[in-house]
Amino acid sequence: MAIKKTKTKQTAKTTPIDPARTLWLAGLGAASIARKQGGELLSGLVVEGKDVQVRTQKLAKEFRADAKAQIKGVITPVRASIKKNAVKFSAAVQHGVAVALSKLGIPSKADIEELTQRVAALSRQLKTR
C-alpha cells in the first residue's frame, strides 16, 4: 500500500519570517516599550542615584573621620618628640656658640649682666660716701 502525498497549505505559523522583518519588528517593540516605560525607568534611576549618593557621602565622612583619628594618633607622639629634640638641639647650639664666643674673648650675656650689676653696686657705694 502506497501512501499518497498531498500538498498542504503552509500556514502563517509555520512560514519562516524574514530575519530583516524580525529585526524591524523587534526594534519597533523596543521603541514602544521604551516610550511607555521610559518615564518610570528614569524616575527609578534618579531615586536610585540619590540613594547611592547619600550612602557614598556617609561612607566618605566615616572614612574621613577614621583617617583623621589615625593621623592624629600618629602625629601627636611625633610632635612631642620633635619638641623634645628641638629643646635639646637649641641647648646644644647655645652651648656651642657660648664656647666659641668664650674662646674668642667675647663676653656672654650673663657676663655682661654680672658686670652691669657690679658697676651699679660700685656706683651706689661711691654715691653714699
N, C-alpha and C. Protein backbone atom coordinates (compact mmCIF):
# COMPACT_ATOMS: atom_id res chain seq x y z
N MET A 1 0.83 -1.14 0.00
CA MET A 1 0.00 0.00 0.00
C MET A 1 0.90 1.23 0.00
N ALA A 2 0.66 2.02 -0.93
CA ALA A 2 1.46 3.22 -1.09
C ALA A 2 0.73 4.39 -0.49
N ILE A 3 1.52 5.22 0.13
CA ILE A 3 0.94 6.41 0.75
C ILE A 3 1.03 7.54 -0.26
N LYS A 4 -0.06 8.19 -0.41
CA LYS A 4 -0.14 9.26 -1.37
C LYS A 4 0.17 10.57 -0.65
N LYS A 5 1.09 11.30 -1.21
CA LYS A 5 1.46 12.57 -0.63
C LYS A 5 0.56 13.64 -1.19
N THR A 6 0.07 14.45 -0.28
CA THR A 6 -0.77 15.54 -0.74
C THR A 6 -0.13 16.85 -0.33
N LYS A 7 -0.35 17.81 -1.13
CA LYS A 7 0.19 19.12 -0.81
C LYS A 7 -0.69 19.77 0.24
N THR A 8 -0.04 20.36 1.25
CA THR A 8 -0.79 21.09 2.27
C THR A 8 -0.41 22.55 2.19
N LYS A 9 -1.32 23.35 2.58
CA LYS A 9 -1.05 24.79 2.60
C LYS A 9 -0.17 25.11 3.82
N GLN A 10 0.77 25.96 3.59
CA GLN A 10 1.59 26.39 4.71
C GLN A 10 0.84 27.51 5.43
N THR A 11 0.74 27.35 6.71
CA THR A 11 0.04 28.36 7.50
C THR A 11 1.04 29.44 7.93
N ALA A 12 0.50 30.51 8.47
CA ALA A 12 1.34 31.62 8.91
C ALA A 12 2.26 31.20 10.05
N LYS A 13 1.80 30.22 10.81
CA LYS A 13 2.60 29.79 11.94
C LYS A 13 3.84 29.04 11.48
N THR A 14 3.77 28.35 10.46
CA THR A 14 4.89 27.56 10.00
C THR A 14 5.73 28.27 8.96
N THR A 15 5.28 29.42 8.50
CA THR A 15 6.01 30.17 7.49
C THR A 15 7.22 30.83 8.15
N PRO A 16 8.39 30.61 7.63
CA PRO A 16 9.56 31.27 8.20
C PRO A 16 9.50 32.76 7.91
N ILE A 17 9.80 33.55 8.94
CA ILE A 17 9.73 35.01 8.80
C ILE A 17 11.11 35.51 8.38
N ASP A 18 11.10 36.49 7.55
CA ASP A 18 12.32 37.10 7.05
C ASP A 18 13.10 37.70 8.24
N PRO A 19 14.42 37.42 8.38
CA PRO A 19 15.20 37.96 9.50
C PRO A 19 15.20 39.49 9.56
N ALA A 20 15.21 40.14 8.45
CA ALA A 20 15.19 41.61 8.45
C ALA A 20 13.88 42.12 9.03
N ARG A 21 12.80 41.44 8.68
CA ARG A 21 11.49 41.84 9.21
C ARG A 21 11.45 41.59 10.72
N THR A 22 12.04 40.49 11.16
CA THR A 22 12.09 40.18 12.60
C THR A 22 12.83 41.27 13.36
N LEU A 23 13.98 41.69 12.83
CA LEU A 23 14.73 42.77 13.47
C LEU A 23 13.94 44.07 13.49
N TRP A 24 13.26 44.35 12.38
CA TRP A 24 12.45 45.56 12.30
C TRP A 24 11.37 45.56 13.37
N LEU A 25 10.67 44.44 13.49
CA LEU A 25 9.60 44.33 14.48
C LEU A 25 10.15 44.40 15.91
N ALA A 26 11.32 43.78 16.15
CA ALA A 26 11.93 43.84 17.47
C ALA A 26 12.30 45.28 17.82
N GLY A 27 12.83 46.01 16.85
CA GLY A 27 13.18 47.41 17.08
C GLY A 27 11.96 48.25 17.39
N LEU A 28 10.86 48.02 16.65
CA LEU A 28 9.62 48.76 16.91
C LEU A 28 9.10 48.44 18.32
N GLY A 29 9.18 47.17 18.69
CA GLY A 29 8.72 46.78 20.03
C GLY A 29 9.56 47.42 21.11
N ALA A 30 10.89 47.45 20.92
CA ALA A 30 11.78 48.08 21.90
C ALA A 30 11.50 49.57 22.02
N ALA A 31 11.28 50.22 20.89
CA ALA A 31 10.97 51.65 20.91
C ALA A 31 9.65 51.91 21.63
N SER A 32 8.67 51.06 21.40
CA SER A 32 7.37 51.23 22.04
C SER A 32 7.47 51.03 23.56
N ILE A 33 8.19 49.99 23.96
CA ILE A 33 8.36 49.74 25.40
C ILE A 33 9.14 50.87 26.05
N ALA A 34 10.19 51.35 25.38
CA ALA A 34 10.98 52.46 25.93
C ALA A 34 10.13 53.71 26.08
N ARG A 35 9.24 53.95 25.10
CA ARG A 35 8.36 55.12 25.18
C ARG A 35 7.40 54.99 26.34
N LYS A 36 6.84 53.80 26.50
CA LYS A 36 5.84 53.58 27.56
C LYS A 36 6.48 53.59 28.95
N GLN A 37 7.63 52.95 29.09
CA GLN A 37 8.22 52.79 30.41
C GLN A 37 9.38 53.74 30.68
N GLY A 38 9.71 54.57 29.73
CA GLY A 38 10.85 55.47 29.85
C GLY A 38 10.77 56.41 31.04
N GLY A 39 9.62 57.03 31.23
CA GLY A 39 9.45 57.97 32.34
C GLY A 39 9.59 57.29 33.68
N GLU A 40 8.95 56.13 33.80
CA GLU A 40 9.04 55.38 35.06
C GLU A 40 10.47 54.93 35.32
N LEU A 41 11.14 54.46 34.29
CA LEU A 41 12.51 53.99 34.42
C LEU A 41 13.43 55.14 34.82
N LEU A 42 13.26 56.28 34.19
CA LEU A 42 14.08 57.44 34.51
C LEU A 42 13.87 57.87 35.96
N SER A 43 12.63 57.90 36.41
CA SER A 43 12.34 58.27 37.80
C SER A 43 12.99 57.28 38.76
N GLY A 44 12.91 56.01 38.43
CA GLY A 44 13.54 54.99 39.28
C GLY A 44 15.05 55.15 39.33
N LEU A 45 15.65 55.47 38.19
CA LEU A 45 17.09 55.68 38.16
C LEU A 45 17.51 56.90 38.97
N VAL A 46 16.71 57.96 38.91
CA VAL A 46 17.01 59.16 39.69
C VAL A 46 16.95 58.85 41.18
N VAL A 47 15.92 58.13 41.61
CA VAL A 47 15.79 57.77 43.03
C VAL A 47 16.98 56.92 43.46
N GLU A 48 17.33 55.95 42.66
CA GLU A 48 18.47 55.07 42.97
C GLU A 48 19.76 55.87 43.02
N GLY A 49 19.93 56.80 42.10
CA GLY A 49 21.13 57.65 42.07
C GLY A 49 21.25 58.49 43.33
N LYS A 50 20.14 59.06 43.78
CA LYS A 50 20.16 59.86 45.01
C LYS A 50 20.52 59.00 46.20
N ASP A 51 19.98 57.79 46.25
CA ASP A 51 20.27 56.88 47.34
C ASP A 51 21.75 56.52 47.38
N VAL A 52 22.30 56.23 46.22
CA VAL A 52 23.73 55.90 46.14
C VAL A 52 24.57 57.10 46.57
N GLN A 53 24.17 58.30 46.16
CA GLN A 53 24.92 59.50 46.53
C GLN A 53 24.92 59.69 48.05
N VAL A 54 23.80 59.52 48.69
CA VAL A 54 23.70 59.68 50.15
C VAL A 54 24.59 58.65 50.85
N ARG A 55 24.51 57.40 50.41
CA ARG A 55 25.32 56.35 51.03
C ARG A 55 26.81 56.62 50.83
N THR A 56 27.18 57.08 49.65
CA THR A 56 28.58 57.37 49.35
C THR A 56 29.09 58.52 50.20
N GLN A 57 28.28 59.57 50.35
CA GLN A 57 28.70 60.70 51.17
C GLN A 57 28.87 60.28 52.63
N LYS A 58 27.96 59.46 53.12
CA LYS A 58 28.05 58.98 54.50
C LYS A 58 29.32 58.16 54.69
N LEU A 59 29.60 57.28 53.75
CA LEU A 59 30.79 56.45 53.82
C LEU A 59 32.05 57.31 53.75
N ALA A 60 32.05 58.32 52.90
CA ALA A 60 33.21 59.21 52.78
C ALA A 60 33.45 59.95 54.09
N LYS A 61 32.38 60.40 54.75
CA LYS A 61 32.53 61.08 56.04
C LYS A 61 33.11 60.15 57.09
N GLU A 62 32.65 58.90 57.08
CA GLU A 62 33.18 57.93 58.04
C GLU A 62 34.66 57.67 57.78
N PHE A 63 35.04 57.51 56.51
CA PHE A 63 36.44 57.29 56.18
C PHE A 63 37.28 58.50 56.58
N ARG A 64 36.75 59.69 56.37
CA ARG A 64 37.47 60.91 56.71
C ARG A 64 37.71 60.98 58.20
N ALA A 65 36.66 60.68 58.98
CA ALA A 65 36.79 60.72 60.45
C ALA A 65 37.81 59.68 60.92
N ASP A 66 37.75 58.48 60.36
CA ASP A 66 38.70 57.44 60.74
C ASP A 66 40.13 57.84 60.38
N ALA A 67 40.30 58.36 59.19
CA ALA A 67 41.64 58.77 58.75
C ALA A 67 42.18 59.90 59.63
N LYS A 68 41.32 60.84 59.96
CA LYS A 68 41.73 61.96 60.80
C LYS A 68 42.16 61.47 62.17
N ALA A 69 41.42 60.53 62.75
CA ALA A 69 41.77 59.99 64.06
C ALA A 69 43.09 59.24 63.99
N GLN A 70 43.28 58.46 62.94
CA GLN A 70 44.53 57.72 62.80
C GLN A 70 45.72 58.65 62.62
N ILE A 71 45.54 59.67 61.81
CA ILE A 71 46.62 60.63 61.59
C ILE A 71 46.95 61.36 62.88
N LYS A 72 45.93 61.77 63.61
CA LYS A 72 46.15 62.47 64.88
C LYS A 72 46.90 61.56 65.85
N GLY A 73 46.54 60.27 65.88
CA GLY A 73 47.21 59.32 66.76
C GLY A 73 48.68 59.15 66.41
N VAL A 74 49.01 59.27 65.14
CA VAL A 74 50.40 59.13 64.71
C VAL A 74 51.16 60.43 64.92
N ILE A 75 50.52 61.54 64.64
CA ILE A 75 51.21 62.83 64.68
C ILE A 75 51.48 63.30 66.11
N THR A 76 50.61 63.03 67.04
CA THR A 76 50.78 63.52 68.41
C THR A 76 52.12 63.09 69.02
N PRO A 77 52.46 61.80 68.99
CA PRO A 77 53.77 61.43 69.54
C PRO A 77 54.94 62.01 68.75
N VAL A 78 54.76 62.15 67.44
CA VAL A 78 55.83 62.72 66.62
C VAL A 78 56.05 64.18 67.00
N ARG A 79 54.98 64.92 67.21
CA ARG A 79 55.10 66.33 67.63
C ARG A 79 55.83 66.44 68.96
N ALA A 80 55.45 65.58 69.91
CA ALA A 80 56.10 65.62 71.22
C ALA A 80 57.60 65.33 71.08
N SER A 81 57.93 64.37 70.25
CA SER A 81 59.34 64.03 70.03
C SER A 81 60.09 65.18 69.38
N ILE A 82 59.44 65.83 68.41
CA ILE A 82 60.07 66.98 67.74
C ILE A 82 60.33 68.11 68.73
N LYS A 83 59.34 68.40 69.58
CA LYS A 83 59.53 69.47 70.57
C LYS A 83 60.68 69.14 71.51
N LYS A 84 60.73 67.90 71.97
CA LYS A 84 61.79 67.48 72.89
C LYS A 84 63.15 67.61 72.22
N ASN A 85 63.24 67.15 70.97
CA ASN A 85 64.50 67.23 70.24
C ASN A 85 64.87 68.67 69.91
N ALA A 86 63.87 69.52 69.67
CA ALA A 86 64.15 70.93 69.38
C ALA A 86 64.75 71.62 70.60
N VAL A 87 64.25 71.30 71.77
CA VAL A 87 64.79 71.89 73.00
C VAL A 87 66.23 71.44 73.20
N LYS A 88 66.49 70.15 72.99
CA LYS A 88 67.86 69.63 73.12
C LYS A 88 68.79 70.28 72.10
N PHE A 89 68.31 70.40 70.87
CA PHE A 89 69.12 70.99 69.81
C PHE A 89 69.43 72.46 70.11
N SER A 90 68.42 73.17 70.57
CA SER A 90 68.60 74.58 70.91
C SER A 90 69.65 74.74 72.02
N ALA A 91 69.54 73.90 73.04
CA ALA A 91 70.51 73.97 74.13
C ALA A 91 71.91 73.65 73.64
N ALA A 92 72.05 72.67 72.75
CA ALA A 92 73.35 72.31 72.22
C ALA A 92 73.94 73.45 71.39
N VAL A 93 73.10 74.10 70.58
CA VAL A 93 73.57 75.23 69.77
C VAL A 93 74.01 76.39 70.67
N GLN A 94 73.19 76.70 71.67
CA GLN A 94 73.55 77.79 72.59
C GLN A 94 74.87 77.50 73.30
N HIS A 95 75.05 76.27 73.73
CA HIS A 95 76.29 75.90 74.40
C HIS A 95 77.48 76.03 73.44
N GLY A 96 77.29 75.55 72.21
CA GLY A 96 78.36 75.65 71.22
C GLY A 96 78.74 77.09 70.90
N VAL A 97 77.74 77.95 70.77
CA VAL A 97 78.00 79.37 70.50
C VAL A 97 78.70 80.01 71.69
N ALA A 98 78.27 79.68 72.90
CA ALA A 98 78.88 80.25 74.10
C ALA A 98 80.35 79.84 74.20
N VAL A 99 80.65 78.60 73.90
CA VAL A 99 82.04 78.13 73.94
C VAL A 99 82.87 78.87 72.89
N ALA A 100 82.32 78.99 71.68
CA ALA A 100 83.04 79.68 70.61
C ALA A 100 83.29 81.15 70.98
N LEU A 101 82.28 81.83 71.51
CA LEU A 101 82.44 83.24 71.91
C LEU A 101 83.44 83.37 73.05
N SER A 102 83.42 82.42 73.98
CA SER A 102 84.34 82.45 75.11
C SER A 102 85.78 82.31 74.62
N LYS A 103 86.00 81.42 73.64
CA LYS A 103 87.35 81.25 73.10
C LYS A 103 87.83 82.50 72.37
N LEU A 104 86.90 83.25 71.82
CA LEU A 104 87.26 84.48 71.11
C LEU A 104 87.39 85.67 72.07
N GLY A 105 87.05 85.46 73.33
CA GLY A 105 87.16 86.52 74.32
C GLY A 105 85.97 87.45 74.34
N ILE A 106 84.88 87.05 73.76
CA ILE A 106 83.66 87.86 73.73
C ILE A 106 82.80 87.44 74.92
N PRO A 107 82.45 88.39 75.77
CA PRO A 107 81.67 88.03 76.97
C PRO A 107 80.24 87.62 76.59
N SER A 108 79.67 86.76 77.39
CA SER A 108 78.30 86.31 77.17
C SER A 108 77.33 87.32 77.77
N LYS A 109 76.08 87.11 77.53
CA LYS A 109 75.04 87.98 78.08
C LYS A 109 75.08 87.93 79.61
N ALA A 110 75.28 86.75 80.16
CA ALA A 110 75.34 86.60 81.62
C ALA A 110 76.54 87.37 82.17
N ASP A 111 77.71 87.32 81.47
CA ASP A 111 78.89 88.06 81.91
C ASP A 111 78.63 89.56 81.91
N ILE A 112 77.96 90.05 80.87
CA ILE A 112 77.66 91.48 80.77
C ILE A 112 76.69 91.90 81.87
N GLU A 113 75.68 91.08 82.13
CA GLU A 113 74.72 91.40 83.20
C GLU A 113 75.41 91.42 84.56
N GLU A 114 76.34 90.49 84.78
CA GLU A 114 77.07 90.45 86.05
C GLU A 114 77.93 91.71 86.20
N LEU A 115 78.60 92.09 85.12
CA LEU A 115 79.43 93.30 85.15
C LEU A 115 78.56 94.54 85.37
N THR A 116 77.39 94.58 84.75
CA THR A 116 76.48 95.72 84.91
C THR A 116 76.03 95.83 86.37
N GLN A 117 75.75 94.72 86.99
CA GLN A 117 75.33 94.73 88.41
C GLN A 117 76.48 95.19 89.31
N ARG A 118 77.71 94.77 88.98
CA ARG A 118 78.86 95.17 89.79
C ARG A 118 79.12 96.68 89.65
N VAL A 119 78.97 97.17 88.42
CA VAL A 119 79.16 98.61 88.19
C VAL A 119 78.09 99.39 88.94
N ALA A 120 76.84 98.91 88.91
CA ALA A 120 75.77 99.60 89.62
C ALA A 120 76.03 99.58 91.12
N ALA A 121 76.53 98.48 91.64
CA ALA A 121 76.83 98.39 93.08
C ALA A 121 77.96 99.34 93.43
N LEU A 122 78.99 99.41 92.62
CA LEU A 122 80.11 100.33 92.86
C LEU A 122 79.65 101.78 92.79
N SER A 123 78.74 102.07 91.83
CA SER A 123 78.21 103.44 91.72
C SER A 123 77.46 103.83 92.96
N ARG A 124 76.67 102.90 93.49
CA ARG A 124 75.92 103.20 94.73
C ARG A 124 76.87 103.44 95.91
N GLN A 125 77.96 102.65 95.96
CA GLN A 125 78.91 102.84 97.04
C GLN A 125 79.59 104.21 96.95
N LEU A 126 79.90 104.65 95.75
CA LEU A 126 80.54 105.93 95.57
C LEU A 126 79.60 107.09 95.91
N LYS A 127 78.32 106.91 95.61
CA LYS A 127 77.35 107.96 95.89
C LYS A 127 77.09 108.08 97.39
N THR A 128 77.20 106.98 98.10
CA THR A 128 76.93 107.03 99.54
C THR A 128 78.10 107.61 100.29
N ARG A 129 79.26 107.74 99.81
CA ARG A 129 80.42 108.29 100.51
C ARG A 129 80.44 109.73 100.44
